């Protein structure tokens, strides 16, 4: 079996795109075949993974705007800068579809699932969906399509905890109403600086509110190499593989695969 994971949080700045792209690269380095779905119309995952030229002929815009596809879904996916990582690209025009998706809800929330899920599970070990910083219509599409939700939590922000509570509540609502297979995978603490009191305080608050098996052991540290890598249009693993942030994502990938085993026990090779 393979899995689809939606990366969600109501709060911006918690590192959803950073987590999605770097975890995808780290999983590929572990021998997995990975698909990244860019559901955020800011298109940051698309720009980080795919060279800017040529502009994608097909994108998420064409999927979310249709109840049926004339083309095979595989034609919408593109190789990225990294071996065994593929991307369903987004374009900024997708933002204009949100009102249409809301108007056609709840049936429209299943479009992504209907168009993508079967193909993704047959052709990729892990599919990661990057989401906008809200709990709106596109996030509903992602949660309706996913098996798991991964929630990044910024260590230095109390507001991130508020977003976390809303995100977890929505996950349970979608599971009850639309997608019984959906589960909370883990909370992932990001931008950790263990020297600061606020980072330690957040970790203590989460430990008091959630079970140990609901929080990744691996935490993602504050690391200027992330900003340097993104400025260079690369993942941190591609830009600075020796950086602490790179080592953290390598550890996170191993922990994730252990959690998911035996779902992703056998690496899936191209064309299989």
Foldseek 3Di string as FASTA:
>chain_A
DAFEEEEAWLAPPLCLLLLQQLLLQLLVVVQWQEEEEELAQVFLNVLLWAPPPPDQPAAVLVQLVDQDDPDQPVSQKAHTPHPRYIYRTHHNCSVVCQVVLVVPPDVSLQRCQVRPQVVCLVFGRYYYYRHDNRCGSSVSSSLLNGQEYEYRAEQQDPVRVVRVVVVVVVSVVCCVPHNVNYDYQAYEYEQADPVDPSSVVVVVVCVVVDPPRRHDPQHAHNDCLCVVQSVVSYRSCVVPCVGPRNVSSNVVSVSSPVSCPPSNVDHHDPPD
